[in-house]
Structure formats: C-alpha cells, structure tokens
C-alpha atoms as a PDB file:
ATOM      1  CA  MET A   1      58.051  18.980  -3.349  1.00  0.00           C
ATOM      2  CA  ASP A   2      54.583  18.278  -1.025  1.00  0.00           C
ATOM      3  CA  ILE A   3      52.072  16.360  -2.833  1.00  0.00           C
ATOM      4  CA  PHE A   4      49.491  19.008  -2.284  1.00  0.00           C
ATOM      5  CA  ASP A   5      51.270  21.585  -3.898  1.00  0.00           C
ATOM      6  CA  GLN A   6      51.501  19.610  -7.383  1.00  0.00           C
ATOM      7  CA  PRO A   7      47.992  20.137  -9.302  1.00  0.00           C
ATOM      8  CA  LEU A   8      46.346  17.275  -9.771  1.00  0.00           C
ATOM      9  CA  GLU A   9      44.150  16.349 -13.133  1.00  0.00           C
ATOM     10  CA  ILE A  10      40.460  15.683 -12.445  1.00  0.00           C
ATOM     11  CA  VAL A  11      39.199  12.572 -14.241  1.00  0.00           C
ATOM     12  CA  ASP A  12      37.442  12.716 -17.674  1.00  0.00           C
ATOM     13  CA  ARG A  13      33.326  13.016 -17.914  1.00  0.00           C
ATOM     14  CA  ALA A  14      33.297   9.440 -19.211  1.00  0.00           C
ATOM     15  CA  ALA A  15      35.501   8.196 -16.693  1.00  0.00           C
ATOM     16  CA  PHE A  16      33.303   9.585 -13.804  1.00  0.00           C
ATOM     17  CA  ARG A  17      30.284   8.396 -15.119  1.00  0.00           C
ATOM     18  CA  ASN A  18      31.211   5.013 -15.471  1.00  0.00           C
ATOM     19  CA  GLY A  19      32.609   4.914 -11.982  1.00  0.00           C
ATOM     20  CA  MET A  20      29.325   6.427 -10.521  1.00  0.00           C
ATOM     21  CA  SER A  21      27.435   3.893 -12.276  1.00  0.00           C
ATOM     22  CA  ARG A  22      28.745   1.390 -10.084  1.00  0.00           C
ATOM     23  CA  LEU A  23      27.654   3.444  -6.985  1.00  0.00           C
ATOM     24  CA  GLY A  24      24.099   1.939  -6.591  1.00  0.00           C
ATOM     25  CA  SER A  25      21.193   4.074  -5.354  1.00  0.00           C
ATOM     26  CA  ALA A  26      17.228   4.188  -4.984  1.00  0.00           C
ATOM     27  CA  VAL A  27      15.391   5.446  -7.769  1.00  0.00           C
ATOM     28  CA  SER A  28      12.905   8.048  -6.780  1.00  0.00           C
ATOM     29  CA  VAL A  29      10.937  10.452  -8.291  1.00  0.00           C
ATOM     30  CA  VAL A  30      11.208  14.383  -7.250  1.00  0.00           C
ATOM     31  CA  THR A  31       8.040  16.411  -7.626  1.00  0.00           C
ATOM     32  CA  THR A  32       6.448  19.907  -7.016  1.00  0.00           C
ATOM     33  CA  VAL A  33       3.854  22.144  -7.829  1.00  0.00           C
ATOM     34  CA  PHE A  34       4.529  25.466  -9.339  1.00  0.00           C
ATOM     35  CA  GLY A  35       2.060  28.044 -11.308  1.00  0.00           C
ATOM     36  CA  GLY A  36      -0.926  25.345 -10.316  1.00  0.00           C
ATOM     37  CA  LYS A  37       1.029  22.903 -12.394  1.00  0.00           C
ATOM     38  CA  ARG A  38       2.661  19.454 -11.495  1.00  0.00           C
ATOM     39  CA  TYR A  39       6.563  19.012 -12.155  1.00  0.00           C
ATOM     40  CA  GLY A  40       8.829  16.202 -11.411  1.00  0.00           C
ATOM     41  CA  PHE A  41      12.075  14.335 -12.484  1.00  0.00           C
ATOM     42  CA  THR A  42      14.038  11.129 -11.821  1.00  0.00           C
ATOM     43  CA  ALA A  43      16.635  11.450  -9.251  1.00  0.00           C
ATOM     44  CA  SER A  44      19.296   9.069  -7.700  1.00  0.00           C
ATOM     45  CA  ALA A  45      20.825  11.618  -6.150  1.00  0.00           C
ATOM     46  CA  VAL A  46      19.044  12.093  -2.727  1.00  0.00           C
ATOM     47  CA  CYS A  47      21.020  11.887   0.696  1.00  0.00           C
ATOM     48  CA  SER A  48      19.917  12.029   4.228  1.00  0.00           C
ATOM     49  CA  VAL A  49      21.613  15.168   5.979  1.00  0.00           C
ATOM     50  CA  SER A  50      20.309  14.913   9.387  1.00  0.00           C
ATOM     51  CA  ASP A  51      17.571  13.212  11.986  1.00  0.00           C
ATOM     52  CA  THR A  52      17.683  16.562  13.867  1.00  0.00           C
ATOM     53  CA  PRO A  53      15.619  18.054  12.354  1.00  0.00           C
ATOM     54  CA  ALA A  54      15.261  15.452   9.997  1.00  0.00           C
ATOM     55  CA  THR A  55      16.531  16.759   6.983  1.00  0.00           C
ATOM     56  CA  LEU A  56      17.844  15.539   3.152  1.00  0.00           C
ATOM     57  CA  LEU A  57      18.965  16.859  -0.288  1.00  0.00           C
ATOM     58  CA  VAL A  58      18.203  16.568  -3.799  1.00  0.00           C
ATOM     59  CA  CYS A  59      20.362  17.256  -6.667  1.00  0.00           C
ATOM     60  CA  ILE A  60      18.693  18.669 -10.054  1.00  0.00           C
ATOM     61  CA  ASN A  61      20.367  19.671 -13.354  1.00  0.00           C
ATOM     62  CA  ARG A  62      19.878  23.271 -13.672  1.00  0.00           C
ATOM     63  CA  THR A  63      19.483  22.598 -17.748  1.00  0.00           C
ATOM     64  CA  SER A  64      16.390  20.066 -16.755  1.00  0.00           C
ATOM     65  CA  SER A  65      13.248  21.222 -18.260  1.00  0.00           C
ATOM     66  CA  CYS A  66      11.578  21.642 -14.653  1.00  0.00           C
ATOM     67  CA  PHE A  67      14.120  23.096 -13.329  1.00  0.00           C
ATOM     68  CA  PRO A  68      12.562  26.743 -12.965  1.00  0.00           C
ATOM     69  CA  ALA A  69       9.771  25.690 -11.449  1.00  0.00           C
ATOM     70  CA  PHE A  70      11.974  23.638  -8.357  1.00  0.00           C
ATOM     71  CA  ASP A  71      13.851  26.524  -8.148  1.00  0.00           C
ATOM     72  CA  ASN A  72      10.718  28.546  -7.435  1.00  0.00           C
ATOM     73  CA  ALA A  73       8.871  26.277  -5.377  1.00  0.00           C
ATOM     74  CA  ARG A  74       8.737  26.150  -1.402  1.00  0.00           C
ATOM     75  CA  HIS A  75       8.161  22.266  -1.639  1.00  0.00           C
ATOM     76  CA  PHE A  76       8.917  19.307  -3.037  1.00  0.00           C
ATOM     77  CA  CYS A  77       8.554  15.575  -2.165  1.00  0.00           C
ATOM     78  CA  VAL A  78      11.004  12.806  -2.627  1.00  0.00           C
ATOM     79  CA  ASN A  79       8.632   9.596  -3.636  1.00  0.00           C
ATOM     80  CA  THR A  80      11.095   6.421  -3.917  1.00  0.00           C
ATOM     81  CA  LEU A  81       9.703   3.792  -6.224  1.00  0.00           C
ATOM     82  CA  THR A  82       9.314   0.310  -5.617  1.00  0.00           C
ATOM     83  CA  PRO A  83       9.985  -3.111  -8.249  1.00  0.00           C
ATOM     84  CA  GLY A  84       7.493  -2.572 -10.924  1.00  0.00           C
ATOM     85  CA  GLN A  85       7.768   1.075 -11.444  1.00  0.00           C
ATOM     86  CA  GLU A  86      10.411   0.969 -13.956  1.00  0.00           C
ATOM     87  CA  GLU A  87       8.293   3.160 -16.255  1.00  0.00           C
ATOM     88  CA  ILE A  88       7.659   5.684 -14.085  1.00  0.00           C
ATOM     89  CA  SER A  89      11.332   6.151 -13.400  1.00  0.00           C
ATOM     90  CA  ASP A  90      12.140   6.117 -17.625  1.00  0.00           C
ATOM     91  CA  VAL A  91       8.902   8.581 -18.287  1.00  0.00           C
ATOM     92  CA  PHE A  92      10.208  11.317 -15.430  1.00  0.00           C
ATOM     93  CA  GLY A  93      13.710  10.628 -16.531  1.00  0.00           C
ATOM     94  CA  GLY A  94      13.217  13.210 -19.184  1.00  0.00           C
ATOM     95  CA  LYS A  95      12.064  12.044 -22.267  1.00  0.00           C
ATOM     96  CA  THR A  96       8.394  12.386 -21.714  1.00  0.00           C
ATOM     97  CA  SER A  97       6.988  15.977 -21.642  1.00  0.00           C
ATOM     98  CA  VAL A  98       6.668  17.329 -18.343  1.00  0.00           C
ATOM     99  CA  ALA A  99       3.148  17.771 -18.696  1.00  0.00           C
ATOM    100  CA  ASP A 100       2.522  13.968 -19.578  1.00  0.00           C
ATOM    101  CA  ARG A 101       4.961  12.291 -16.975  1.00  0.00           C
ATOM    102  CA  PHE A 102       2.100  12.213 -14.247  1.00  0.00           C
ATOM    103  CA  VAL A 103      -0.389   9.950 -16.403  1.00  0.00           C
ATOM    104  CA  PHE A 104       1.947   7.141 -14.952  1.00  0.00           C
ATOM    105  CA  GLY A 105       1.075   5.950 -11.345  1.00  0.00           C
ATOM    106  CA  GLU A 106      -1.232   6.794  -9.284  1.00  0.00           C
ATOM    107  CA  TRP A 107      -0.604  10.427  -7.582  1.00  0.00           C
ATOM    108  CA  GLU A 108      -2.445  12.158  -4.558  1.00  0.00           C
ATOM    109  CA  LYS A 109      -2.451  15.474  -3.258  1.00  0.00           C
ATOM    110  CA  GLY A 110       0.548  15.847  -0.186  1.00  0.00           C
ATOM    111  CA  LEU A 111      -0.209  17.761   2.906  1.00  0.00           C
ATOM    112  CA  THR A 112       1.380  20.549   0.917  1.00  0.00           C
ATOM    113  CA  GLY A 113      -0.333  20.081  -2.666  1.00  0.00           C
ATOM    114  CA  VAL A 114       2.818  18.276  -4.238  1.00  0.00           C
ATOM    115  CA  PRO A 115       2.169  15.367  -5.539  1.00  0.00           C
ATOM    116  CA  VAL A 116       2.765  12.115  -3.555  1.00  0.00           C
ATOM    117  CA  LEU A 117       2.796   8.537  -5.645  1.00  0.00           C
ATOM    118  CA  ALA A 118       0.292   6.420  -3.575  1.00  0.00           C
ATOM    119  CA  ASP A 119       2.035   3.081  -3.886  1.00  0.00           C
ATOM    120  CA  ALA A 120       5.719   4.698  -3.456  1.00  0.00           C
ATOM    121  CA  SER A 121       7.998   2.400  -1.151  1.00  0.00           C
ATOM    122  CA  VAL A 122       8.213   5.660   0.834  1.00  0.00           C
ATOM    123  CA  SER A 123       7.699   9.268   0.262  1.00  0.00           C
ATOM    124  CA  PHE A 124       9.244  12.530   2.217  1.00  0.00           C
ATOM    125  CA  GLU A 125       7.359  15.681   1.828  1.00  0.00           C
ATOM    126  CA  CYS A 126      10.042  18.399   2.654  1.00  0.00           C
ATOM    127  CA  GLU A 127      10.103  22.514   2.872  1.00  0.00           C
ATOM    128  CA  LEU A 128      12.909  23.842   1.166  1.00  0.00           C
ATOM    129  CA  THR A 129      15.496  25.281   3.708  1.00  0.00           C
ATOM    130  CA  ASN A 130      18.526  25.903   1.474  1.00  0.00           C
ATOM    131  CA  ALA A 131      19.958  25.580  -2.206  1.00  0.00           C
ATOM    132  CA  ILE A 132      23.566  25.907  -3.318  1.00  0.00           C
ATOM    133  CA  GLU A 133      24.982  25.636  -6.703  1.00  0.00           C
ATOM    134  CA  GLN A 134      27.369  23.143  -7.434  1.00  0.00           C
ATOM    135  CA  ALA A 135      29.042  22.836 -10.997  1.00  0.00           C
ATOM    136  CA  THR A 136      25.916  21.832 -13.320  1.00  0.00           C
ATOM    137  CA  HIS A 137      23.741  20.982 -10.540  1.00  0.00           C
ATOM    138  CA  ARG A 138      21.810  23.116  -7.746  1.00  0.00           C
ATOM    139  CA  VAL A 139      21.341  20.999  -4.243  1.00  0.00           C
ATOM    140  CA  PHE A 140      18.074  21.325  -2.505  1.00  0.00           C
ATOM    141  CA  PHE A 141      17.809  20.916   1.113  1.00  0.00           C
ATOM    142  CA  GLY A 142      14.758  20.156   2.672  1.00  0.00           C
ATOM    143  CA  ARG A 143      12.940  19.771   5.978  1.00  0.00           C
ATOM    144  CA  VAL A 144      11.300  16.613   6.161  1.00  0.00           C
ATOM    145  CA  ILE A 145       7.248  17.381   7.368  1.00  0.00           C
ATOM    146  CA  ASN A 146       5.852  14.283   6.474  1.00  0.00           C
ATOM    147  CA  ILE A 147       6.835  10.398   5.632  1.00  0.00           C
ATOM    148  CA  ARG A 148       4.666   8.226   3.843  1.00  0.00           C
ATOM    149  CA  GLU A 149       6.083   4.470   4.443  1.00  0.00           C
ATOM    150  CA  ASN A 150       4.917   1.340   2.395  1.00  0.00           C
ATOM    151  CA  ASP A 151       5.756  -1.714   4.448  1.00  0.00           C
ATOM    152  CA  GLU A 152       4.673  -4.215   1.709  1.00  0.00           C
ATOM    153  CA  LYS A 153       6.371  -2.720  -0.874  1.00  0.00           C
ATOM    154  CA  ALA A 154      10.242  -3.111  -1.229  1.00  0.00           C
ATOM    155  CA  THR A 155      12.818  -0.369  -3.116  1.00  0.00           C
ATOM    156  CA  LEU A 156      13.664   0.136  -6.506  1.00  0.00           C
ATOM    157  CA  PHE A 157      17.905  -0.021  -6.710  1.00  0.00           C
ATOM    158  CA  TYR A 158      19.796   1.628 -10.083  1.00  0.00           C
ATOM    159  CA  CYS A 159      23.694   0.363 -10.665  1.00  0.00           C
ATOM    160  CA  ARG A 160      25.668  -0.318 -13.595  1.00  0.00           C
ATOM    161  CA  ARG A 161      22.732   0.926 -15.844  1.00  0.00           C
ATOM    162  CA  ARG A 162      20.173  -1.371 -14.763  1.00  0.00           C
ATOM    163  CA  TYR A 163      16.925  -1.945 -12.303  1.00  0.00           C
ATOM    164  CA  PHE A 164      17.119  -4.198  -9.286  1.00  0.00           C
ATOM    165  CA  GLY A 165      14.357  -5.401  -7.140  1.00  0.00           C
ATOM    166  CA  GLY A 166      14.767  -5.837  -3.736  1.00  0.00           C
END
C-alpha cells in the first residue's frame, strides 16, 4: 500500500500552536476604516505574495470583533511595529475594546483614509484585491498602493510567546 493511500492524522491544536510559537515573525497592527470608524487588530500572519504587482496577504480570524469591518472595507494598512511598541501590540491583540485601541500610538490618515501609525517601522497601505476563507480565518490579499518606511526604527518580532527588538 502506498503511503498516499493511507489517511494521515492531523496534529492536535495544542501541538500546532506550540510549534507555531517557534516560527518568529514581525508584529503588525492591521487597520481599516468602515462606517466612519477606525478598526485594527494585531497580526503576525502577514506575508509578501508578489512584487509584480506589489501584493501582500494578511489573515484575520472570522470571530474577531473587527472582522465585519475588514470584511466590508476596500482598503487596509499593515503597520509593522518597532521595539518599544509592545503595548500597542497588546492593546490591538483583542483585550481592549475596538473603540479604545487608537488611544495608543500616534495615528495619521493614509492616502485612502485608513489609519497609519506615524512611527511604524514600515506601513503598507493596500487596496483589497481578493479574499478567501481557510478554516477559521479569512485571507485578505492587498495590492500595495503606498509604503512609508522609517529608516531609523528597527522591527519588533514575536517568537516563543515573547517580543524581541531588532
């Protein structure tokens, strides 16, 4: 019998989450505007897709309190945090109400009106081009229409359930 003919078991949730905790990533706050209100969440599931055209993806849990806004918005911004902005990550991580999150950090309006963190390491303002559902999440694909870089700031990383500065 060929190995591909045998059903393979999927690892359990705890083992997967523990393994993924070792896959370090940059910490970003993804923002949008919908119905005249600002929304945002902390994300580590952000990835470059292509440079022609410049496209990235971001994943959001469909049970997130700000999911309906992102699901209906046309634009979003991926704001990559810097060391010293751990509190912003924690606030946007879901333990603070959506209405109170933007009290932390200095926010400006981007080209499309979405919130852009003034002192982020880098911010990618995007136009939504596609979205697909995968398990508990929706994956948003965005064509990058503006980039703001901060040459003097490093990037904040998260690995093994801890923050690391660069």
